């Protein structure tokens, strides 16, 4: 297995899509070595996409509750009590 093929499960969906597009381009317009390598990796990318689509959808992440807004204190609320003389 090539080092790139080993990285496929860790790549994001967007990265897989971009890699698939680049590999398809290399098959048609790359050097013979690039075309061969790209032709070898395309089925692996497609298999990974199919594997991911068969997985159950991930549970949405729970968000922290919204923080309450604090009303700024006015001057008379922040003044220190006066000391008896």
PDB file of N, CA and C in Angstrom:
ATOM      1  N   UNK A   1       0.850  -1.182   0.000  1.00  0.00           N
ATOM      2  CA  UNK A   1       0.000   0.000   0.000  1.00  0.00           C
ATOM      3  C   UNK A   1       0.891   1.239   0.000  1.00  0.00           C
ATOM      4  N   UNK A   2       0.522   2.199  -0.799  1.00  0.00           N
ATOM      5  CA  UNK A   2       1.324   3.426  -0.888  1.00  0.00           C
ATOM      6  C   UNK A   2       1.089   4.306   0.335  1.00  0.00           C
ATOM      7  N   UNK A   3       2.031   5.164   0.643  1.00  0.00           N
ATOM      8  CA  UNK A   3       1.826   6.058   1.790  1.00  0.00           C
ATOM      9  C   UNK A   3       0.574   6.925   1.637  1.00  0.00           C
ATOM     10  N   UNK A   4       0.265   7.336   0.416  1.00  0.00           N
ATOM     11  CA  UNK A   4      -0.932   8.140   0.191  1.00  0.00           C
ATOM     12  C   UNK A   4      -2.191   7.328   0.468  1.00  0.00           C
ATOM     13  N   UNK A   5      -2.198   6.088   0.064  1.00  0.00           N
ATOM     14  CA  UNK A   5      -3.365   5.225   0.293  1.00  0.00           C
ATOM     15  C   UNK A   5      -3.597   5.000   1.783  1.00  0.00           C
ATOM     16  N   UNK A   6      -2.531   4.989   2.565  1.00  0.00           N
ATOM     17  CA  UNK A   6      -2.664   4.814   4.012  1.00  0.00           C
ATOM     18  C   UNK A   6      -3.276   6.045   4.671  1.00  0.00           C
ATOM     19  N   UNK A   7      -3.140   7.204   4.041  1.00  0.00           N
ATOM     20  CA  UNK A   7      -3.658   8.452   4.605  1.00  0.00           C
ATOM     21  C   UNK A   7      -5.128   8.680   4.274  1.00  0.00           C
ATOM     22  N   UNK A   8      -5.688   7.940   3.328  1.00  0.00           N
ATOM     23  CA  UNK A   8      -7.060   8.188   2.886  1.00  0.00           C
ATOM     24  C   UNK A   8      -8.077   8.184   4.029  1.00  0.00           C
ATOM     25  N   UNK A   9      -8.027   7.229   4.965  1.00  0.00           N
ATOM     26  CA  UNK A   9      -9.037   7.242   6.041  1.00  0.00           C
ATOM     27  C   UNK A   9      -8.959   8.461   6.948  1.00  0.00           C
ATOM     28  N   UNK A  10      -7.817   9.119   7.000  1.00  0.00           N
ATOM     29  CA  UNK A  10      -7.677  10.281   7.889  1.00  0.00           C
ATOM     30  C   UNK A  10      -8.008  11.590   7.190  1.00  0.00           C
ATOM     31  N   UNK A  11      -8.209  11.554   5.889  1.00  0.00           N
ATOM     32  CA  UNK A  11      -8.470  12.782   5.133  1.00  0.00           C
ATOM     33  C   UNK A  11      -9.935  13.197   5.266  1.00  0.00           C
ATOM     34  N   UNK A  12     -10.172  14.489   5.152  1.00  0.00           N
ATOM     35  CA  UNK A  12     -11.541  15.000   5.199  1.00  0.00           C
ATOM     36  C   UNK A  12     -12.229  14.708   3.872  1.00  0.00           C
ATOM     37  N   UNK A  13     -13.553  14.832   3.867  1.00  0.00           N
ATOM     38  CA  UNK A  13     -14.310  14.603   2.642  1.00  0.00           C
ATOM     39  C   UNK A  13     -13.887  15.570   1.543  1.00  0.00           C
ATOM     40  N   UNK A  14     -13.657  16.815   1.904  1.00  0.00           N
ATOM     41  CA  UNK A  14     -13.234  17.817   0.926  1.00  0.00           C
ATOM     42  C   UNK A  14     -11.859  17.471   0.348  1.00  0.00           C
ATOM     43  N   UNK A  15     -10.958  16.985   1.211  1.00  0.00           N
ATOM     44  CA  UNK A  15      -9.628  16.606   0.739  1.00  0.00           C
ATOM     45  C   UNK A  15      -9.700  15.410  -0.206  1.00  0.00           C
ATOM     46  N   UNK A  16     -10.571  14.450   0.107  1.00  0.00           N
ATOM     47  CA  UNK A  16     -10.740  13.299  -0.775  1.00  0.00           C
ATOM     48  C   UNK A  16     -11.281  13.728  -2.139  1.00  0.00           C
ATOM     49  N   UNK A  17     -12.225  14.640  -2.113  1.00  0.00           N
ATOM     50  CA  UNK A  17     -12.805  15.126  -3.364  1.00  0.00           C
ATOM     51  C   UNK A  17     -11.739  15.816  -4.218  1.00  0.00           C
ATOM     52  N   UNK A  18     -10.916  16.643  -3.588  1.00  0.00           N
ATOM     53  CA  UNK A  18      -9.859  17.342  -4.312  1.00  0.00           C
ATOM     54  C   UNK A  18      -8.811  16.360  -4.837  1.00  0.00           C
ATOM     55  N   UNK A  19      -8.462  15.377  -4.022  1.00  0.00           N
ATOM     56  CA  UNK A  19      -7.487  14.372  -4.440  1.00  0.00           C
ATOM     57  C   UNK A  19      -8.016  13.573  -5.620  1.00  0.00           C
ATOM     58  N   UNK A  20      -9.298  13.231  -5.580  1.00  0.00           N
ATOM     59  CA  UNK A  20      -9.921  12.478  -6.684  1.00  0.00           C
ATOM     60  C   UNK A  20      -9.886  13.295  -7.972  1.00  0.00           C
ATOM     61  N   UNK A  21     -10.183  14.583  -7.877  1.00  0.00           N
ATOM     62  CA  UNK A  21     -10.158  15.446  -9.054  1.00  0.00           C
ATOM     63  C   UNK A  21      -8.736  15.573  -9.608  1.00  0.00           C
ATOM     64  N   UNK A  22      -7.769  15.726  -8.729  1.00  0.00           N
ATOM     65  CA  UNK A  22      -6.377  15.833  -9.178  1.00  0.00           C
ATOM     66  C   UNK A  22      -5.890  14.531  -9.812  1.00  0.00           C
ATOM     67  N   UNK A  23      -6.274  13.404  -9.232  1.00  0.00           N
ATOM     68  CA  UNK A  23      -5.873  12.111  -9.789  1.00  0.00           C
ATOM     69  C   UNK A  23      -6.495  11.908 -11.167  1.00  0.00           C
ATOM     70  N   UNK A  24      -7.754  12.283 -11.322  1.00  0.00           N
ATOM     71  CA  UNK A  24      -8.407  12.154 -12.626  1.00  0.00           C
ATOM     72  C   UNK A  24      -7.706  13.041 -13.659  1.00  0.00           C
ATOM     73  N   UNK A  25      -7.274  14.218 -13.248  1.00  0.00           N
ATOM     74  CA  UNK A  25      -6.555  15.115 -14.154  1.00  0.00           C
ATOM     75  C   UNK A  25      -5.203  14.521 -14.536  1.00  0.00           C
ATOM     76  N   UNK A  26      -4.520  13.919 -13.588  1.00  0.00           N
ATOM     77  CA  UNK A  26      -3.214  13.322 -13.860  1.00  0.00           C
ATOM     78  C   UNK A  26      -3.316  12.129 -14.803  1.00  0.00           C
ATOM     79  N   UNK A  27      -4.401  11.389 -14.746  1.00  0.00           N
ATOM     80  CA  UNK A  27      -4.570  10.252 -15.646  1.00  0.00           C
ATOM     81  C   UNK A  27      -4.563  10.736 -17.090  1.00  0.00           C
ATOM     82  N   UNK A  28      -5.185  11.876 -17.342  1.00  0.00           N
ATOM     83  CA  UNK A  28      -5.268  12.373 -18.701  1.00  0.00           C
ATOM     84  C   UNK A  28      -4.114  13.248 -19.136  1.00  0.00           C
ATOM     85  N   UNK A  29      -3.492  13.954 -18.208  1.00  0.00           N
ATOM     86  CA  UNK A  29      -2.497  14.954 -18.599  1.00  0.00           C
ATOM     87  C   UNK A  29      -1.157  14.822 -17.882  1.00  0.00           C
ATOM     88  N   UNK A  30      -0.965  13.811 -17.093  1.00  0.00           N
ATOM     89  CA  UNK A  30       0.292  13.667 -16.363  1.00  0.00           C
ATOM     90  C   UNK A  30       1.305  12.832 -17.123  1.00  0.00           C
ATOM     91  N   UNK A  31       2.492  12.732 -16.559  1.00  0.00           N
ATOM     92  CA  UNK A  31       3.529  11.875 -17.129  1.00  0.00           C
ATOM     93  C   UNK A  31       3.078  10.420 -16.996  1.00  0.00           C
ATOM     94  N   UNK A  32       3.731   9.505 -17.667  1.00  0.00           N
ATOM     95  CA  UNK A  32       3.322   8.098 -17.550  1.00  0.00           C
ATOM     96  C   UNK A  32       3.334   7.577 -16.102  1.00  0.00           C
ATOM     97  N   UNK A  33       4.322   7.982 -15.341  1.00  0.00           N
ATOM     98  CA  UNK A  33       4.391   7.545 -13.940  1.00  0.00           C
ATOM     99  C   UNK A  33       3.228   8.146 -13.142  1.00  0.00           C
ATOM    100  N   UNK A  34       2.948   9.441 -13.355  1.00  0.00           N
ATOM    101  CA  UNK A  34       1.833  10.090 -12.653  1.00  0.00           C
ATOM    102  C   UNK A  34       0.505   9.460 -13.050  1.00  0.00           C
ATOM    103  N   UNK A  35       0.340   9.170 -14.324  1.00  0.00           N
ATOM    104  CA  UNK A  35      -0.908   8.579 -14.793  1.00  0.00           C
ATOM    105  C   UNK A  35      -1.123   7.202 -14.186  1.00  0.00           C
ATOM    106  N   UNK A  36      -0.069   6.419 -14.098  1.00  0.00           N
ATOM    107  CA  UNK A  36      -0.183   5.079 -13.514  1.00  0.00           C
ATOM    108  C   UNK A  36      -0.517   5.163 -12.027  1.00  0.00           C
ATOM    109  N   UNK A  37       0.176   6.030 -11.318  1.00  0.00           N
ATOM    110  CA  UNK A  37      -0.064   6.194  -9.883  1.00  0.00           C
ATOM    111  C   UNK A  37      -1.474   6.709  -9.630  1.00  0.00           C
ATOM    112  N   UNK A  38      -1.914   7.669 -10.425  1.00  0.00           N
ATOM    113  CA  UNK A  38      -3.256   8.223 -10.272  1.00  0.00           C
ATOM    114  C   UNK A  38      -4.313   7.168 -10.562  1.00  0.00           C
ATOM    115  N   UNK A  39      -4.085   6.363 -11.598  1.00  0.00           N
ATOM    116  CA  UNK A  39      -5.043   5.308 -11.934  1.00  0.00           C
ATOM    117  C   UNK A  39      -5.124   4.269 -10.818  1.00  0.00           C
ATOM    118  N   UNK A  40      -4.036   4.065 -10.101  1.00  0.00           N
ATOM    119  CA  UNK A  40      -4.032   3.110  -8.983  1.00  0.00           C
ATOM    120  C   UNK A  40      -4.765   3.652  -7.766  1.00  0.00           C
ATOM    121  N   UNK A  41      -4.697   4.965  -7.539  1.00  0.00           N
ATOM    122  CA  UNK A  41      -5.270   5.540  -6.319  1.00  0.00           C
ATOM    123  C   UNK A  41      -6.760   5.845  -6.461  1.00  0.00           C
ATOM    124  N   UNK A  42      -7.245   6.077  -7.671  1.00  0.00           N
ATOM    125  CA  UNK A  42      -8.655   6.433  -7.858  1.00  0.00           C
ATOM    126  C   UNK A  42      -9.610   5.380  -7.289  1.00  0.00           C
ATOM    127  N   UNK A  43      -9.413   4.085  -7.560  1.00  0.00           N
ATOM    128  CA  UNK A  43     -10.335   3.099  -6.955  1.00  0.00           C
ATOM    129  C   UNK A  43     -10.281   3.094  -5.425  1.00  0.00           C
ATOM    130  N   UNK A  44      -9.118   3.371  -4.856  1.00  0.00           N
ATOM    131  CA  UNK A  44      -8.998   3.411  -3.395  1.00  0.00           C
ATOM    132  C   UNK A  44      -9.768   4.603  -2.826  1.00  0.00           C
ATOM    133  N   UNK A  45      -9.703   5.728  -3.518  1.00  0.00           N
ATOM    134  CA  UNK A  45     -10.455   6.912  -3.087  1.00  0.00           C
ATOM    135  C   UNK A  45     -11.948   6.621  -3.166  1.00  0.00           C
ATOM    136  N   UNK A  46     -12.373   6.022  -4.273  1.00  0.00           N
ATOM    137  CA  UNK A  46     -13.790   5.692  -4.442  1.00  0.00           C
ATOM    138  C   UNK A  46     -14.267   4.719  -3.363  1.00  0.00           C
ATOM    139  N   UNK A  47     -13.442   3.744  -3.019  1.00  0.00           N
ATOM    140  CA  UNK A  47     -13.799   2.791  -1.954  1.00  0.00           C
ATOM    141  C   UNK A  47     -13.956   3.496  -0.614  1.00  0.00           C
ATOM    142  N   UNK A  48     -13.083   4.458  -0.338  1.00  0.00           N
ATOM    143  CA  UNK A  48     -13.163   5.201   0.923  1.00  0.00           C
ATOM    144  C   UNK A  48     -14.434   6.039   0.970  1.00  0.00           C
ATOM    145  N   UNK A  49     -14.790   6.651  -0.149  1.00  0.00           N
ATOM    146  CA  UNK A  49     -16.019   7.457  -0.198  1.00  0.00           C
ATOM    147  C   UNK A  49     -17.239   6.564   0.037  1.00  0.00           C
ATOM    148  N   UNK A  50     -17.252   5.384  -0.577  1.00  0.00           N
ATOM    149  CA  UNK A  50     -18.371   4.442  -0.388  1.00  0.00           C
ATOM    150  C   UNK A  50     -18.425   3.975   1.064  1.00  0.00           C
ATOM    151  N   UNK A  51     -17.266   3.688   1.637  1.00  0.00           N
ATOM    152  CA  UNK A  51     -17.218   3.243   3.044  1.00  0.00           C
ATOM    153  C   UNK A  51     -17.796   4.310   3.965  1.00  0.00           C
ATOM    154  N   UNK A  52     -17.437   5.558   3.730  1.00  0.00           N
ATOM    155  CA  UNK A  52     -17.934   6.650   4.575  1.00  0.00           C
ATOM    156  C   UNK A  52     -19.430   6.862   4.404  1.00  0.00           C
ATOM    157  N   UNK A  53     -19.913   6.693   3.195  1.00  0.00           N
ATOM    158  CA  UNK A  53     -21.349   6.900   2.973  1.00  0.00           C
ATOM    159  C   UNK A  53     -22.178   5.805   3.629  1.00  0.00           C
ATOM    160  N   UNK A  54     -21.577   4.633   3.873  1.00  0.00           N
ATOM    161  CA  UNK A  54     -22.290   3.536   4.525  1.00  0.00           C
ATOM    162  C   UNK A  54     -22.331   3.688   6.044  1.00  0.00           C
ATOM    163  N   UNK A  55     -21.479   4.539   6.588  1.00  0.00           N
ATOM    164  CA  UNK A  55     -21.452   4.748   8.037  1.00  0.00           C
ATOM    165  C   UNK A  55     -22.686   5.538   8.480  1.00  0.00           C
ATOM    166  N   UNK A  56     -23.166   5.290   9.707  1.00  0.00           N
ATOM    167  CA  UNK A  56     -24.276   6.109  10.199  1.00  0.00           C
ATOM    168  C   UNK A  56     -23.813   7.549  10.387  1.00  0.00           C
ATOM    169  N   UNK A  57     -24.728   8.495  10.221  1.00  0.00           N
ATOM    170  CA  UNK A  57     -24.313   9.899  10.379  1.00  0.00           C
ATOM    171  C   UNK A  57     -23.839  10.163  11.808  1.00  0.00           C
ATOM    172  N   UNK A  58     -22.842  11.010  11.903  1.00  0.00           N
ATOM    173  CA  UNK A  58     -22.288  11.350  13.213  1.00  0.00           C
ATOM    174  C   UNK A  58     -23.301  12.193  13.988  1.00  0.00           C
ATOM    175  N   UNK A  59     -23.348  11.967  15.286  1.00  0.00           N
ATOM    176  CA  UNK A  59     -24.247  12.745  16.137  1.00  0.00           C
ATOM    177  C   UNK A  59     -23.769  14.188  16.167  1.00  0.00           C
ATOM    178  N   UNK A  60     -24.691  15.131  16.090  1.00  0.00           N
ATOM    179  CA  UNK A  60     -24.260  16.534  16.131  1.00  0.00           C
ATOM    180  C   UNK A  60     -23.653  16.863  17.488  1.00  0.00           C
ATOM    181  N   UNK A  61     -22.670  17.724  17.464  1.00  0.00           N
ATOM    182  CA  UNK A  61     -22.022  18.122  18.710  1.00  0.00           C
ATOM    183  C   UNK A  61     -22.964  19.022  19.499  1.00  0.00           C
ATOM    184  N   UNK A  62     -22.993  18.795  20.808  1.00  0.00           N
ATOM    185  CA  UNK A  62     -23.831  19.630  21.662  1.00  0.00           C
ATOM    186  C   UNK A  62     -23.107  20.944  21.913  1.00  0.00           C
ATOM    187  N   UNK A  63     -23.869  21.989  21.813  1.00  0.00           N
ATOM    188  CA  UNK A  63     -23.306  23.312  22.051  1.00  0.00           C
ATOM    189  C   UNK A  63     -23.498  23.703  23.506  1.00  0.00           C
ATOM    190  N   UNK A  64     -22.599  24.491  23.996  1.00  0.00           N
ATOM    191  CA  UNK A  64     -22.708  24.993  25.358  1.00  0.00           C
ATOM    192  C   UNK A  64     -23.885  25.968  25.411  1.00  0.00           C
ATOM    193  N   UNK A  65     -24.570  26.019  26.539  1.00  0.00           N
ATOM    194  CA  UNK A  65     -25.692  26.962  26.630  1.00  0.00           C
ATOM    195  C   UNK A  65     -25.208  28.399  26.468  1.00  0.00           C
ATOM    196  N   UNK A  66     -26.071  29.206  25.939  1.00  0.00           N
ATOM    197  CA  UNK A  66     -25.714  30.606  25.715  1.00  0.00           C
ATOM    198  C   UNK A  66     -25.469  31.303  27.050  1.00  0.00           C
ATOM    199  N   UNK A  67     -24.478  32.158  27.071  1.00  0.00           N
ATOM    200  CA  UNK A  67     -24.176  32.891  28.295  1.00  0.00           C
ATOM    201  C   UNK A  67     -25.151  34.046  28.427  1.00  0.00           C
ATOM    202  N   UNK A  68     -25.563  34.274  29.666  1.00  0.00           N
ATOM    203  CA  UNK A  68     -26.486  35.379  29.928  1.00  0.00           C
ATOM    204  C   UNK A  68     -25.738  36.691  29.848  1.00  0.00           C
ATOM    205  N   UNK A  69     -26.400  37.657  29.266  1.00  0.00           N
ATOM    206  CA  UNK A  69     -25.799  38.981  29.187  1.00  0.00           C
ATOM    207  C   UNK A  69     -25.943  39.672  30.537  1.00  0.00           C
ATOM    208  N   UNK A  70     -24.879  40.293  30.969  1.00  0.00           N
ATOM    209  CA  UNK A  70     -24.876  41.003  32.236  1.00  0.00           C
ATOM    210  C   UNK A  70     -25.057  42.483  31.930  1.00  0.00           C
ATOM    211  N   UNK A  71     -26.029  43.082  32.597  1.00  0.00           N
ATOM    212  CA  UNK A  71     -26.276  44.504  32.421  1.00  0.00           C
ATOM    213  C   UNK A  71     -25.166  45.270  33.123  1.00  0.00           C
ATOM    214  N   UNK A  72     -24.539  46.214  32.451  1.00  0.00           N
ATOM    215  CA  UNK A  72     -23.470  46.961  33.105  1.00  0.00           C
ATOM    216  C   UNK A  72     -24.010  47.738  34.304  1.00  0.00           C
ATOM    217  N   UNK A  73     -23.207  47.765  35.338  1.00  0.00           N
ATOM    218  CA  UNK A  73     -23.608  48.461  36.554  1.00  0.00           C
ATOM    219  C   UNK A  73     -23.477  49.966  36.360  1.00  0.00           C
ATOM    220  N   UNK A  74     -24.436  50.703  36.903  1.00  0.00           N
ATOM    221  CA  UNK A  74     -24.344  52.166  36.831  1.00  0.00           C
ATOM    222  C   UNK A  74     -23.513  52.656  38.017  1.00  0.00           C
ATOM    223  N   UNK A  75     -23.174  53.916  38.013  1.00  0.00           N
ATOM    224  CA  UNK A  75     -22.282  54.486  39.021  1.00  0.00           C
ATOM    225  C   UNK A  75     -22.770  54.311  40.444  1.00  0.00           C
ATOM    226  N   UNK A  76     -24.062  54.471  40.711  1.00  0.00           N
ATOM    227  CA  UNK A  76     -24.525  54.391  42.085  1.00  0.00           C
ATOM    228  C   UNK A  76     -24.488  52.961  42.608  1.00  0.00           C
ATOM    229  N   UNK A  77     -24.460  51.976  41.741  1.00  0.00           N
ATOM    230  CA  UNK A  77     -24.410  50.604  42.199  1.00  0.00           C
ATOM    231  C   UNK A  77     -23.001  50.160  42.541  1.00  0.00           C
ATOM    232  N   UNK A  78     -22.034  50.845  41.978  1.00  0.00           N
ATOM    233  CA  UNK A  78     -20.654  50.428  42.202  1.00  0.00           C
ATOM    234  C   UNK A  78     -19.954  51.267  43.259  1.00  0.00           C
ATOM    235  N   UNK A  79     -20.585  52.333  43.735  1.00  0.00           N
ATOM    236  CA  UNK A  79     -19.946  53.197  44.719  1.00  0.00           C
ATOM    237  C   UNK A  79     -19.815  52.457  46.034  1.00  0.00           C
ATOM    238  N   UNK A  80     -18.699  52.708  46.702  1.00  0.00           N
ATOM    239  CA  UNK A  80     -18.480  52.102  48.010  1.00  0.00           C
ATOM    240  C   UNK A  80     -19.313  52.842  49.053  1.00  0.00           C
ATOM    241  N   UNK A  81     -19.770  52.109  50.039  1.00  0.00           N
ATOM    242  CA  UNK A  81     -20.543  52.810  51.088  1.00  0.00           C
ATOM    243  C   UNK A  81     -19.639  53.802  51.820  1.00  0.00           C
ATOM    244  N   UNK A  82     -20.256  54.892  52.220  1.00  0.00           N
ATOM    245  CA  UNK A  82     -19.453  55.913  52.921  1.00  0.00           C
ATOM    246  C   UNK A  82     -19.191  55.456  54.349  1.00  0.00           C
ATOM    247  N   UNK A  83     -18.034  55.851  54.872  1.00  0.00           N
ATOM    248  CA  UNK A  83     -17.662  55.489  56.234  1.00  0.00           C
ATOM    249  C   UNK A  83     -18.221  56.525  57.190  1.00  0.00           C
ATOM    250  N   UNK A  84     -18.718  56.083  58.354  1.00  0.00           N
ATOM    251  CA  UNK A  84     -19.192  57.069  59.330  1.00  0.00           C
ATOM    252  C   UNK A  84     -18.001  57.862  59.867  1.00  0.00           C
ATOM    253  N   UNK A  85     -18.187  59.115  60.029  1.00  0.00           N
ATOM    254  CA  UNK A  85     -17.110  59.987  60.497  1.00  0.00           C
ATOM    255  C   UNK A  85     -16.967  60.019  61.983  1.00  0.00           C
TER     256      UNK A  85
END
